[in-house]
Amino acid sequence: MTDTRQDSLAALLGGRGGALDASLPPVAFVLGWLLGGRSIAVGAAAAVACGVVVGVVRVARGARPRALLVSVSLVVLAAYVALRTGRPEDFFLLQIFLNAASALVWAASIVVRWPLLGMVVGLVTGQRFRWRRDPDLLRAYRIASWPWVGQYVLRVVVFGALWLAGQVVLLGVMRVALTWPLQVACVALSWWVLRRTLPDDHPGLRHPRERP
């Protein structure tokens, strides 16, 4: 299994920069809300400004402009929801829905035998969908996709409980704690599962093999 040892899942899927950046606007919202006398408008403005700055920096470092538009749009939408409802905790409502949807999509992909982990890694490595013709890789990707379902479910449970309790500050804290640290743990666990699931003689992620 030489190839899987050479290419870690973390290296294939990229670093933690994107996940870390995504946690900054919610922190800005909470800080703006607190420092602005619990003003949702101030918190919303701080979050949007932070999102724009983070997006511009990422584009300057080589990220696609489309990624900037998507990330800023999500921050603006979250701020809009909180402004419309008058509840600061509703700034995090969009994240709860997005994580719930992600959990469902990842679980569905496993059930229909098109695990998203395999699709992502296949595209990154240039193998596209050849891995589906390899029973060992297909099985490994299906099993290794479950940690991703778990991370989304965990966020929904934690964020949902804090949202129901109206714990704005704790929502901001947990938004950071359950973003890149959890994603790093998820990638590490998925990688361990992949290595444990593939046979010892398998050539690796970059070399799908077809069984007769």
N, C-alpha and C. Protein backbone atom coordinates (compact mmCIF):
# COMPACT_ATOMS: atom_id res chain seq x y z
N MET A 1 0.86 -1.19 0.00
CA MET A 1 0.00 0.00 0.00
C MET A 1 0.89 1.24 0.00
N THR A 2 1.88 1.21 -0.88
CA THR A 2 2.88 2.27 -0.88
C THR A 2 2.30 3.63 -1.15
N ASP A 3 1.34 3.74 -2.06
CA ASP A 3 0.83 5.04 -2.45
C ASP A 3 0.07 5.72 -1.34
N THR A 4 -0.67 4.96 -0.58
CA THR A 4 -1.41 5.56 0.51
C THR A 4 -0.48 6.05 1.59
N ARG A 5 0.69 5.46 1.70
CA ARG A 5 1.63 5.94 2.70
C ARG A 5 2.32 7.22 2.24
N GLN A 6 2.48 7.35 0.92
CA GLN A 6 3.15 8.53 0.41
C GLN A 6 2.23 9.75 0.42
N ASP A 7 0.97 9.54 0.12
CA ASP A 7 0.01 10.64 0.03
C ASP A 7 -0.98 10.57 1.19
N SER A 8 -0.84 11.43 2.15
CA SER A 8 -1.79 11.46 3.24
C SER A 8 -3.08 12.12 2.78
N LEU A 9 -4.17 11.79 3.45
CA LEU A 9 -5.46 12.37 3.09
C LEU A 9 -5.44 13.87 3.34
N ALA A 10 -4.75 14.30 4.39
CA ALA A 10 -4.66 15.73 4.68
C ALA A 10 -3.96 16.48 3.55
N ALA A 11 -2.91 15.88 2.99
CA ALA A 11 -2.19 16.53 1.89
C ALA A 11 -3.05 16.60 0.65
N LEU A 12 -3.83 15.55 0.39
CA LEU A 12 -4.67 15.52 -0.80
C LEU A 12 -5.82 16.50 -0.70
N LEU A 13 -6.41 16.63 0.48
CA LEU A 13 -7.58 17.49 0.65
C LEU A 13 -7.22 18.92 0.97
N GLY A 14 -5.94 19.22 1.17
CA GLY A 14 -5.54 20.59 1.46
C GLY A 14 -5.42 20.84 2.94
N GLY A 15 -4.91 22.04 3.28
CA GLY A 15 -4.69 22.38 4.68
C GLY A 15 -5.94 22.81 5.38
N ARG A 16 -5.73 23.38 6.58
CA ARG A 16 -6.86 23.77 7.41
C ARG A 16 -7.18 25.25 7.26
N GLY A 17 -6.47 25.93 6.34
CA GLY A 17 -6.65 27.37 6.20
C GLY A 17 -8.08 27.78 5.91
N GLY A 18 -8.74 27.06 4.97
CA GLY A 18 -10.10 27.42 4.62
C GLY A 18 -11.06 27.28 5.78
N ALA A 19 -10.94 26.19 6.52
CA ALA A 19 -11.82 25.98 7.67
C ALA A 19 -11.56 27.02 8.75
N LEU A 20 -10.30 27.38 8.94
CA LEU A 20 -9.97 28.39 9.95
C LEU A 20 -10.54 29.75 9.55
N ASP A 21 -10.40 30.10 8.27
CA ASP A 21 -10.92 31.37 7.79
C ASP A 21 -12.44 31.45 7.96
N ALA A 22 -13.12 30.30 7.76
CA ALA A 22 -14.57 30.29 7.86
C ALA A 22 -15.07 30.58 9.27
N SER A 23 -14.22 30.35 10.27
CA SER A 23 -14.64 30.56 11.65
C SER A 23 -14.44 32.01 12.10
N LEU A 24 -13.75 32.82 11.30
CA LEU A 24 -13.46 34.19 11.72
C LEU A 24 -14.68 35.13 11.68
N PRO A 25 -15.51 35.13 10.64
CA PRO A 25 -16.69 36.01 10.65
C PRO A 25 -17.63 35.77 11.83
N PRO A 26 -17.93 34.51 12.22
CA PRO A 26 -18.76 34.32 13.41
C PRO A 26 -18.14 34.91 14.67
N VAL A 27 -16.82 34.78 14.79
CA VAL A 27 -16.14 35.38 15.94
C VAL A 27 -16.28 36.89 15.89
N ALA A 28 -16.13 37.47 14.70
CA ALA A 28 -16.29 38.91 14.54
C ALA A 28 -17.71 39.35 14.90
N PHE A 29 -18.69 38.52 14.55
CA PHE A 29 -20.07 38.85 14.89
C PHE A 29 -20.26 38.91 16.40
N VAL A 30 -19.77 37.90 17.09
CA VAL A 30 -19.93 37.86 18.55
C VAL A 30 -19.20 39.03 19.20
N LEU A 31 -17.98 39.31 18.76
CA LEU A 31 -17.23 40.42 19.33
C LEU A 31 -17.92 41.75 19.04
N GLY A 32 -18.39 41.94 17.82
CA GLY A 32 -19.10 43.17 17.48
C GLY A 32 -20.38 43.33 18.26
N TRP A 33 -21.07 42.22 18.46
CA TRP A 33 -22.32 42.21 19.22
C TRP A 33 -22.07 42.60 20.67
N LEU A 34 -21.02 42.05 21.25
CA LEU A 34 -20.69 42.35 22.64
C LEU A 34 -20.19 43.79 22.80
N LEU A 35 -19.23 44.16 21.98
CA LEU A 35 -18.63 45.50 22.10
C LEU A 35 -19.59 46.60 21.66
N GLY A 36 -20.55 46.25 20.85
CA GLY A 36 -21.52 47.23 20.38
C GLY A 36 -22.76 47.32 21.24
N GLY A 37 -22.65 46.87 22.48
CA GLY A 37 -23.79 46.95 23.38
C GLY A 37 -24.90 45.98 23.00
N ARG A 38 -24.49 44.79 22.56
CA ARG A 38 -25.42 43.73 22.14
C ARG A 38 -26.28 44.18 20.97
N SER A 39 -25.66 44.91 20.06
CA SER A 39 -26.34 45.38 18.85
C SER A 39 -26.11 44.36 17.73
N ILE A 40 -27.19 43.82 17.21
CA ILE A 40 -27.08 42.86 16.11
C ILE A 40 -26.52 43.54 14.87
N ALA A 41 -26.89 44.80 14.67
CA ALA A 41 -26.41 45.53 13.50
C ALA A 41 -24.90 45.67 13.53
N VAL A 42 -24.35 45.99 14.69
CA VAL A 42 -22.90 46.12 14.81
C VAL A 42 -22.22 44.78 14.59
N GLY A 43 -22.78 43.74 15.19
CA GLY A 43 -22.23 42.40 15.01
C GLY A 43 -22.28 41.97 13.55
N ALA A 44 -23.41 42.27 12.88
CA ALA A 44 -23.57 41.90 11.48
C ALA A 44 -22.55 42.63 10.61
N ALA A 45 -22.37 43.91 10.87
CA ALA A 45 -21.41 44.70 10.10
C ALA A 45 -20.00 44.17 10.30
N ALA A 46 -19.66 43.82 11.53
CA ALA A 46 -18.33 43.28 11.81
C ALA A 46 -18.11 41.95 11.10
N ALA A 47 -19.13 41.11 11.10
CA ALA A 47 -19.01 39.80 10.45
C ALA A 47 -18.84 39.95 8.95
N VAL A 48 -19.64 40.81 8.33
CA VAL A 48 -19.54 41.00 6.88
C VAL A 48 -18.19 41.60 6.50
N ALA A 49 -17.74 42.60 7.28
CA ALA A 49 -16.44 43.22 7.01
C ALA A 49 -15.33 42.19 7.12
N CYS A 50 -15.40 41.35 8.15
CA CYS A 50 -14.39 40.31 8.34
C CYS A 50 -14.42 39.32 7.19
N GLY A 51 -15.64 38.94 6.77
CA GLY A 51 -15.77 38.00 5.66
C GLY A 51 -15.16 38.54 4.38
N VAL A 52 -15.37 39.82 4.12
CA VAL A 52 -14.81 40.44 2.92
C VAL A 52 -13.28 40.46 2.98
N VAL A 53 -12.75 40.86 4.12
CA VAL A 53 -11.29 40.92 4.28
C VAL A 53 -10.67 39.54 4.11
N VAL A 54 -11.26 38.54 4.76
CA VAL A 54 -10.75 37.17 4.65
C VAL A 54 -10.81 36.70 3.20
N GLY A 55 -11.93 37.00 2.54
CA GLY A 55 -12.08 36.58 1.15
C GLY A 55 -11.07 37.24 0.24
N VAL A 56 -10.85 38.52 0.40
CA VAL A 56 -9.88 39.23 -0.43
C VAL A 56 -8.48 38.68 -0.22
N VAL A 57 -8.13 38.41 1.04
CA VAL A 57 -6.81 37.84 1.34
C VAL A 57 -6.64 36.48 0.67
N ARG A 58 -7.69 35.67 0.71
CA ARG A 58 -7.61 34.33 0.11
C ARG A 58 -7.48 34.41 -1.41
N VAL A 59 -8.21 35.34 -2.02
CA VAL A 59 -8.10 35.52 -3.47
C VAL A 59 -6.70 35.99 -3.83
N ALA A 60 -6.15 36.90 -3.02
CA ALA A 60 -4.80 37.39 -3.26
C ALA A 60 -3.77 36.27 -3.16
N ARG A 61 -4.10 35.25 -2.38
CA ARG A 61 -3.20 34.11 -2.22
C ARG A 61 -3.44 33.02 -3.25
N GLY A 62 -4.38 33.26 -4.16
CA GLY A 62 -4.58 32.30 -5.25
C GLY A 62 -5.92 31.59 -5.25
N ALA A 63 -6.79 31.88 -4.30
CA ALA A 63 -8.10 31.24 -4.29
C ALA A 63 -8.96 31.81 -5.41
N ARG A 64 -9.98 31.07 -5.80
CA ARG A 64 -10.85 31.50 -6.88
C ARG A 64 -11.80 32.60 -6.40
N PRO A 65 -12.05 33.60 -7.25
CA PRO A 65 -12.99 34.67 -6.88
C PRO A 65 -14.38 34.13 -6.54
N ARG A 66 -14.75 33.02 -7.18
CA ARG A 66 -16.07 32.43 -6.88
C ARG A 66 -16.16 32.02 -5.42
N ALA A 67 -15.05 31.52 -4.87
CA ALA A 67 -15.04 31.13 -3.45
C ALA A 67 -15.28 32.35 -2.57
N LEU A 68 -14.72 33.50 -2.97
CA LEU A 68 -14.94 34.74 -2.22
C LEU A 68 -16.42 35.11 -2.22
N LEU A 69 -17.05 35.03 -3.38
CA LEU A 69 -18.46 35.40 -3.48
C LEU A 69 -19.34 34.48 -2.64
N VAL A 70 -19.04 33.19 -2.68
CA VAL A 70 -19.84 32.23 -1.91
C VAL A 70 -19.69 32.47 -0.42
N SER A 71 -18.45 32.60 0.06
CA SER A 71 -18.21 32.77 1.49
C SER A 71 -18.82 34.07 2.01
N VAL A 72 -18.64 35.16 1.26
CA VAL A 72 -19.21 36.44 1.69
C VAL A 72 -20.74 36.39 1.65
N SER A 73 -21.29 35.73 0.63
CA SER A 73 -22.75 35.62 0.53
C SER A 73 -23.34 34.88 1.72
N LEU A 74 -22.66 33.83 2.17
CA LEU A 74 -23.15 33.08 3.33
C LEU A 74 -23.12 33.94 4.60
N VAL A 75 -22.07 34.74 4.75
CA VAL A 75 -21.99 35.63 5.91
C VAL A 75 -23.09 36.68 5.86
N VAL A 76 -23.30 37.25 4.68
CA VAL A 76 -24.36 38.26 4.52
C VAL A 76 -25.72 37.66 4.81
N LEU A 77 -25.96 36.44 4.33
CA LEU A 77 -27.24 35.79 4.58
C LEU A 77 -27.45 35.50 6.06
N ALA A 78 -26.40 35.03 6.73
CA ALA A 78 -26.49 34.77 8.17
C ALA A 78 -26.79 36.06 8.93
N ALA A 79 -26.13 37.15 8.54
CA ALA A 79 -26.36 38.45 9.19
C ALA A 79 -27.78 38.93 8.93
N TYR A 80 -28.26 38.72 7.72
CA TYR A 80 -29.62 39.15 7.36
C TYR A 80 -30.66 38.42 8.20
N VAL A 81 -30.46 37.12 8.39
CA VAL A 81 -31.40 36.33 9.20
C VAL A 81 -31.47 36.88 10.62
N ALA A 82 -30.30 37.14 11.20
CA ALA A 82 -30.27 37.66 12.57
C ALA A 82 -30.92 39.04 12.65
N LEU A 83 -30.69 39.88 11.66
CA LEU A 83 -31.29 41.23 11.66
C LEU A 83 -32.80 41.14 11.50
N ARG A 84 -33.27 40.21 10.68
CA ARG A 84 -34.71 40.09 10.45
C ARG A 84 -35.45 39.55 11.68
N THR A 85 -34.83 38.59 12.36
CA THR A 85 -35.52 37.97 13.50
C THR A 85 -35.29 38.75 14.79
N GLY A 86 -34.20 39.55 14.84
CA GLY A 86 -33.89 40.28 16.06
C GLY A 86 -33.29 39.40 17.14
N ARG A 87 -32.84 38.21 16.74
CA ARG A 87 -32.23 37.26 17.68
C ARG A 87 -30.79 37.02 17.27
N PRO A 88 -29.82 37.44 18.09
CA PRO A 88 -28.41 37.27 17.69
C PRO A 88 -28.01 35.83 17.46
N GLU A 89 -28.62 34.90 18.19
CA GLU A 89 -28.27 33.49 18.01
C GLU A 89 -28.65 32.98 16.62
N ASP A 90 -29.58 33.69 15.96
CA ASP A 90 -30.01 33.25 14.64
C ASP A 90 -28.94 33.48 13.57
N PHE A 91 -27.88 34.21 13.92
CA PHE A 91 -26.76 34.34 13.00
C PHE A 91 -26.17 32.97 12.69
N PHE A 92 -26.30 32.04 13.65
CA PHE A 92 -25.73 30.70 13.50
C PHE A 92 -26.73 29.70 12.94
N LEU A 93 -27.94 30.15 12.69
CA LEU A 93 -28.97 29.23 12.22
C LEU A 93 -28.62 28.65 10.86
N LEU A 94 -28.06 29.46 9.97
CA LEU A 94 -27.68 28.97 8.65
C LEU A 94 -26.67 27.84 8.76
N GLN A 95 -25.72 27.97 9.68
CA GLN A 95 -24.72 26.93 9.86
C GLN A 95 -25.35 25.62 10.31
N ILE A 96 -26.36 25.71 11.15
CA ILE A 96 -27.04 24.50 11.60
C ILE A 96 -27.70 23.79 10.42
N PHE A 97 -28.38 24.54 9.58
CA PHE A 97 -29.04 23.95 8.42
C PHE A 97 -28.03 23.38 7.42
N LEU A 98 -26.94 24.11 7.20
CA LEU A 98 -25.92 23.64 6.26
C LEU A 98 -25.26 22.35 6.73
N ASN A 99 -25.00 22.26 8.03
CA ASN A 99 -24.40 21.03 8.56
C ASN A 99 -25.38 19.87 8.52
N ALA A 100 -26.66 20.14 8.78
CA ALA A 100 -27.67 19.09 8.69
C ALA A 100 -27.77 18.58 7.26
N ALA A 101 -27.78 19.51 6.30
CA ALA A 101 -27.86 19.12 4.89
C ALA A 101 -26.62 18.33 4.48
N SER A 102 -25.45 18.75 4.95
CA SER A 102 -24.21 18.06 4.62
C SER A 102 -24.21 16.64 5.16
N ALA A 103 -24.70 16.46 6.38
CA ALA A 103 -24.77 15.12 6.97
C ALA A 103 -25.66 14.21 6.13
N LEU A 104 -26.79 14.74 5.69
CA LEU A 104 -27.72 13.95 4.87
C LEU A 104 -27.11 13.59 3.52
N VAL A 105 -26.45 14.56 2.90
CA VAL A 105 -25.85 14.32 1.59
C VAL A 105 -24.73 13.29 1.67
N TRP A 106 -23.86 13.43 2.68
CA TRP A 106 -22.76 12.46 2.84
C TRP A 106 -23.31 11.06 3.14
N ALA A 107 -24.31 10.97 4.00
CA ALA A 107 -24.89 9.66 4.32
C ALA A 107 -25.55 9.05 3.08
N ALA A 108 -26.26 9.87 2.32
CA ALA A 108 -26.92 9.37 1.11
C ALA A 108 -25.89 8.89 0.10
N SER A 109 -24.76 9.59 0.00
CA SER A 109 -23.73 9.18 -0.97
C SER A 109 -23.14 7.82 -0.62
N ILE A 110 -23.07 7.52 0.68
CA ILE A 110 -22.58 6.21 1.11
C ILE A 110 -23.57 5.12 0.75
N VAL A 111 -24.84 5.41 0.99
CA VAL A 111 -25.90 4.42 0.74
C VAL A 111 -26.00 4.07 -0.74
N VAL A 112 -25.88 5.06 -1.60
CA VAL A 112 -26.01 4.81 -3.05
C VAL A 112 -24.69 4.40 -3.69
N ARG A 113 -23.66 4.19 -2.86
CA ARG A 113 -22.36 3.69 -3.31
C ARG A 113 -21.61 4.70 -4.19
N TRP A 114 -21.84 5.97 -3.91
CA TRP A 114 -21.05 7.05 -4.52
C TRP A 114 -20.51 7.93 -3.39
N PRO A 115 -19.70 7.36 -2.48
CA PRO A 115 -19.23 8.13 -1.32
C PRO A 115 -18.51 9.40 -1.74
N LEU A 116 -18.88 10.50 -1.11
CA LEU A 116 -18.31 11.80 -1.48
C LEU A 116 -16.80 11.86 -1.25
N LEU A 117 -16.32 11.15 -0.26
CA LEU A 117 -14.87 11.15 -0.02
C LEU A 117 -14.13 10.62 -1.24
N GLY A 118 -14.65 9.55 -1.81
CA GLY A 118 -14.03 9.00 -3.00
C GLY A 118 -14.11 9.94 -4.18
N MET A 119 -15.25 10.63 -4.31
CA MET A 119 -15.41 11.58 -5.42
C MET A 119 -14.41 12.73 -5.30
N VAL A 120 -14.25 13.25 -4.09
CA VAL A 120 -13.33 14.37 -3.88
C VAL A 120 -11.89 13.94 -4.13
N VAL A 121 -11.47 12.85 -3.50
CA VAL A 121 -10.10 12.38 -3.66
C VAL A 121 -9.84 11.97 -5.11
N GLY A 122 -10.83 11.35 -5.75
CA GLY A 122 -10.67 10.96 -7.14
C GLY A 122 -10.42 12.14 -8.06
N LEU A 123 -11.14 13.22 -7.83
CA LEU A 123 -10.95 14.42 -8.65
C LEU A 123 -9.60 15.08 -8.36
N VAL A 124 -9.22 15.10 -7.07
CA VAL A 124 -7.95 15.74 -6.69
C VAL A 124 -6.76 14.97 -7.26
N THR A 125 -6.83 13.65 -7.23
CA THR A 125 -5.71 12.83 -7.71
C THR A 125 -5.73 12.60 -9.21
N GLY A 126 -6.79 13.04 -9.89
CA GLY A 126 -6.89 12.85 -11.33
C GLY A 126 -7.45 11.50 -11.73
N GLN A 127 -7.86 10.69 -10.74
CA GLN A 127 -8.42 9.37 -11.04
C GLN A 127 -9.90 9.44 -11.42
N ARG A 128 -10.48 10.58 -11.16
CA ARG A 128 -11.91 10.81 -11.42
C ARG A 128 -12.74 9.70 -10.77
N PHE A 129 -13.41 8.85 -11.54
CA PHE A 129 -14.30 7.86 -10.93
C PHE A 129 -13.80 6.42 -11.16
N ARG A 130 -12.52 6.28 -11.50
CA ARG A 130 -11.97 4.94 -11.70
C ARG A 130 -12.02 4.12 -10.43
N TRP A 131 -11.97 4.78 -9.27
CA TRP A 131 -11.97 4.07 -8.00
C TRP A 131 -13.24 3.25 -7.79
N ARG A 132 -14.33 3.60 -8.49
CA ARG A 132 -15.58 2.85 -8.31
C ARG A 132 -15.49 1.46 -8.91
N ARG A 133 -14.54 1.26 -9.82
CA ARG A 133 -14.38 -0.07 -10.41
C ARG A 133 -13.44 -0.95 -9.58
N ASP A 134 -12.95 -0.36 -8.48
CA ASP A 134 -12.08 -1.10 -7.56
C ASP A 134 -12.89 -1.40 -6.30
N PRO A 135 -13.32 -2.66 -6.11
CA PRO A 135 -14.15 -3.00 -4.94
C PRO A 135 -13.52 -2.63 -3.60
N ASP A 136 -12.20 -2.78 -3.51
CA ASP A 136 -11.53 -2.47 -2.26
C ASP A 136 -11.57 -0.97 -1.97
N LEU A 137 -11.30 -0.14 -2.98
CA LEU A 137 -11.34 1.30 -2.80
C LEU A 137 -12.76 1.79 -2.53
N LEU A 138 -13.71 1.22 -3.26
CA LEU A 138 -15.10 1.62 -3.05
C LEU A 138 -15.53 1.34 -1.61
N ARG A 139 -15.19 0.17 -1.12
CA ARG A 139 -15.54 -0.19 0.27
C ARG A 139 -14.82 0.72 1.25
N ALA A 140 -13.53 0.99 1.00
CA ALA A 140 -12.76 1.83 1.91
C ALA A 140 -13.31 3.25 1.96
N TYR A 141 -13.65 3.80 0.81
CA TYR A 141 -14.19 5.15 0.78
C TYR A 141 -15.56 5.23 1.46
N ARG A 142 -16.35 4.18 1.32
CA ARG A 142 -17.67 4.18 1.98
C ARG A 142 -17.51 4.20 3.50
N ILE A 143 -16.63 3.35 4.00
CA ILE A 143 -16.43 3.29 5.45
C ILE A 143 -15.78 4.57 5.97
N ALA A 144 -14.78 5.07 5.22
CA ALA A 144 -14.05 6.26 5.66
C ALA A 144 -14.88 7.54 5.52
N SER A 145 -16.02 7.47 4.87
CA SER A 145 -16.89 8.64 4.74
C SER A 145 -17.75 8.85 5.99
N TRP A 146 -17.91 7.81 6.79
CA TRP A 146 -18.77 7.95 7.97
C TRP A 146 -18.26 8.96 9.00
N PRO A 147 -16.95 9.09 9.22
CA PRO A 147 -16.49 10.16 10.12
C PRO A 147 -16.94 11.54 9.67
N TRP A 148 -17.05 11.76 8.37
CA TRP A 148 -17.51 13.05 7.87
C TRP A 148 -18.98 13.27 8.21
N VAL A 149 -19.77 12.21 8.11
CA VAL A 149 -21.17 12.31 8.54
C VAL A 149 -21.21 12.65 10.03
N GLY A 150 -20.36 11.98 10.79
CA GLY A 150 -20.33 12.20 12.24
C GLY A 150 -19.98 13.62 12.62
N GLN A 151 -19.04 14.24 11.92
CA GLN A 151 -18.65 15.60 12.29
C GLN A 151 -19.80 16.58 12.04
N TYR A 152 -20.54 16.37 10.97
CA TYR A 152 -21.68 17.26 10.70
C TYR A 152 -22.79 17.06 11.72
N VAL A 153 -23.04 15.81 12.08
CA VAL A 153 -24.08 15.53 13.08
C VAL A 153 -23.69 16.13 14.42
N LEU A 154 -22.41 16.02 14.79
CA LEU A 154 -21.95 16.59 16.06
C LEU A 154 -22.17 18.10 16.08
N ARG A 155 -21.86 18.77 14.98
CA ARG A 155 -22.07 20.22 14.93
C ARG A 155 -23.56 20.56 15.07
N VAL A 156 -24.41 19.80 14.39
CA VAL A 156 -25.84 20.08 14.48
C VAL A 156 -26.33 19.95 15.91
N VAL A 157 -25.89 18.90 16.59
CA VAL A 157 -26.33 18.67 17.97
C VAL A 157 -25.84 19.79 18.89
N VAL A 158 -24.55 20.11 18.81
CA VAL A 158 -23.97 21.14 19.69
C VAL A 158 -24.53 22.52 19.37
N PHE A 159 -24.46 22.90 18.10
CA PHE A 159 -24.97 24.22 17.71
C PHE A 159 -26.46 24.34 17.98
N GLY A 160 -27.18 23.26 17.71
CA GLY A 160 -28.63 23.29 17.93
C GLY A 160 -28.99 23.49 19.38
N ALA A 161 -28.28 22.79 20.26
CA ALA A 161 -28.56 22.93 21.69
C ALA A 161 -28.24 24.34 22.18
N LEU A 162 -27.11 24.89 21.73
CA LEU A 162 -26.73 26.25 22.14
C LEU A 162 -27.67 27.29 21.53
N TRP A 163 -28.11 27.05 20.32
CA TRP A 163 -29.06 27.97 19.68
C TRP A 163 -30.38 28.00 20.44
N LEU A 164 -30.88 26.82 20.82
CA LEU A 164 -32.13 26.75 21.58
C LEU A 164 -31.98 27.46 22.93
N ALA A 165 -30.78 27.40 23.50
CA ALA A 165 -30.54 28.05 24.79
C ALA A 165 -30.20 29.53 24.65
N GLY A 166 -30.04 30.00 23.42
CA GLY A 166 -29.73 31.41 23.20
C GLY A 166 -28.33 31.79 23.66
N GLN A 167 -27.40 30.86 23.63
CA GLN A 167 -26.03 31.09 24.10
C GLN A 167 -25.16 31.63 22.95
N VAL A 168 -25.21 32.92 22.72
CA VAL A 168 -24.53 33.53 21.58
C VAL A 168 -23.01 33.40 21.71
N VAL A 169 -22.47 33.73 22.87
CA VAL A 169 -21.01 33.68 23.05
C VAL A 169 -20.51 32.25 22.92
N LEU A 170 -21.20 31.31 23.52
CA LEU A 170 -20.78 29.92 23.41
C LEU A 170 -20.90 29.41 21.98
N LEU A 171 -21.88 29.91 21.24
CA LEU A 171 -21.99 29.55 19.84
C LEU A 171 -20.75 30.00 19.06
N GLY A 172 -20.29 31.21 19.37
CA GLY A 172 -19.07 31.69 18.72
C GLY A 172 -17.86 30.87 19.09
N VAL A 173 -17.76 30.51 20.36
CA VAL A 173 -16.62 29.70 20.82
C VAL A 173 -16.64 28.32 20.17
N MET A 174 -17.81 27.68 20.17
CA MET A 174 -17.91 26.34 19.62
C MET A 174 -17.81 26.35 18.09
N ARG A 175 -18.16 27.48 17.49
CA ARG A 175 -18.00 27.60 16.03
C ARG A 175 -16.53 27.46 15.67
N VAL A 176 -15.65 28.00 16.50
CA VAL A 176 -14.21 27.85 16.27
C VAL A 176 -13.75 26.45 16.64
N ALA A 177 -14.18 25.98 17.81
CA ALA A 177 -13.72 24.68 18.31
C ALA A 177 -14.14 23.54 17.40
N LEU A 178 -15.32 23.67 16.78
CA LEU A 178 -15.83 22.58 15.94
C LEU A 178 -15.66 22.87 14.45
N THR A 179 -14.75 23.77 14.12
CA THR A 179 -14.47 24.02 12.71
C THR A 179 -13.18 23.32 12.33
N TRP A 180 -12.04 24.04 12.32
CA TRP A 180 -10.83 23.38 11.85
C TRP A 180 -10.29 22.30 12.79
N PRO A 181 -10.37 22.42 14.12
CA PRO A 181 -9.88 21.30 14.94
C PRO A 181 -10.66 20.00 14.67
N LEU A 182 -11.98 20.13 14.54
CA LEU A 182 -12.79 18.95 14.27
C LEU A 182 -12.52 18.41 12.88
N GLN A 183 -12.32 19.31 11.92
CA GLN A 183 -12.04 18.86 10.56
C GLN A 183 -10.70 18.14 10.48
N VAL A 184 -9.70 18.67 11.20
CA VAL A 184 -8.40 18.00 11.23
C VAL A 184 -8.54 16.60 11.81
N ALA A 185 -9.31 16.48 12.90
CA ALA A 185 -9.53 15.17 13.51
C ALA A 185 -10.28 14.24 12.57
N CYS A 186 -11.25 14.80 11.84
CA CYS A 186 -12.03 14.00 10.90
C CYS A 186 -11.16 13.47 9.77
N VAL A 187 -10.31 14.33 9.22
CA VAL A 187 -9.41 13.91 8.15
C VAL A 187 -8.45 12.83 8.65
N ALA A 188 -7.92 13.02 9.85
CA ALA A 188 -6.99 12.02 10.41
C ALA A 188 -7.69 10.68 10.62
N LEU A 189 -8.92 10.71 11.12
CA LEU A 189 -9.65 9.46 11.35
C LEU A 189 -9.99 8.79 10.03
N SER A 190 -10.42 9.57 9.05
CA SER A 190 -10.73 9.01 7.73
C SER A 190 -9.50 8.35 7.11
N TRP A 191 -8.35 9.01 7.25
CA TRP A 191 -7.11 8.48 6.72
C TRP A 191 -6.75 7.16 7.40
N TRP A 192 -6.92 7.10 8.71
CA TRP A 192 -6.64 5.87 9.46
C TRP A 192 -7.57 4.75 9.00
N VAL A 193 -8.85 5.07 8.81
CA VAL A 193 -9.83 4.07 8.36
C VAL A 193 -9.47 3.57 6.97
N LEU A 194 -9.08 4.48 6.08
CA LEU A 194 -8.69 4.07 4.73
C LEU A 194 -7.53 3.08 4.77
N ARG A 195 -6.52 3.40 5.54
CA ARG A 195 -5.33 2.54 5.61
C ARG A 195 -5.66 1.20 6.24
N ARG A 196 -6.55 1.21 7.21
CA ARG A 196 -6.91 -0.05 7.88
C ARG A 196 -7.83 -0.91 7.02
N THR A 197 -8.62 -0.26 6.16
CA THR A 197 -9.61 -0.99 5.37
C THR A 197 -9.02 -1.58 4.10
N LEU A 198 -8.09 -0.87 3.45
CA LEU A 198 -7.49 -1.38 2.22
C LEU A 198 -6.59 -2.58 2.51
N PRO A 199 -6.60 -3.58 1.63
CA PRO A 199 -5.70 -4.73 1.81
C PRO A 199 -4.24 -4.29 1.78
N ASP A 200 -3.38 -5.08 2.41
CA ASP A 200 -1.96 -4.73 2.48
C ASP A 200 -1.30 -4.66 1.12
N ASP A 201 -1.82 -5.44 0.16
CA ASP A 201 -1.19 -5.47 -1.16
C ASP A 201 -1.80 -4.46 -2.13
N HIS A 202 -2.67 -3.59 -1.63
CA HIS A 202 -3.30 -2.62 -2.54
C HIS A 202 -2.29 -1.56 -2.95
N PRO A 203 -2.25 -1.18 -4.24
CA PRO A 203 -1.24 -0.20 -4.71
C PRO A 203 -1.48 1.23 -4.25
N GLY A 204 -2.67 1.56 -3.71
CA GLY A 204 -2.89 2.89 -3.16
C GLY A 204 -3.97 3.69 -3.85
N LEU A 205 -4.22 4.89 -3.30
CA LEU A 205 -5.32 5.72 -3.77
C LEU A 205 -5.14 6.15 -5.23
N ARG A 206 -3.92 6.34 -5.67
CA ARG A 206 -3.67 6.80 -7.03
C ARG A 206 -3.68 5.67 -8.05
N HIS A 207 -3.83 4.44 -7.58
CA HIS A 207 -3.76 3.29 -8.50
C HIS A 207 -4.94 2.34 -8.28
N PRO A 208 -6.14 2.75 -8.67
CA PRO A 208 -7.29 1.84 -8.55
C PRO A 208 -7.05 0.59 -9.40
N ARG A 209 -7.48 -0.52 -8.91
CA ARG A 209 -7.33 -1.75 -9.68
C ARG A 209 -8.71 -2.39 -9.86
N GLU A 210 -8.94 -2.91 -11.05
CA GLU A 210 -10.22 -3.52 -11.35
C GLU A 210 -10.14 -5.01 -11.13
N ARG A 211 -11.17 -5.52 -10.49
CA ARG A 211 -11.25 -6.96 -10.27
C ARG A 211 -11.99 -7.60 -11.45
N PRO A 212 -11.54 -8.78 -11.89
CA PRO A 212 -12.21 -9.46 -12.99
C PRO A 212 -13.60 -9.91 -12.58
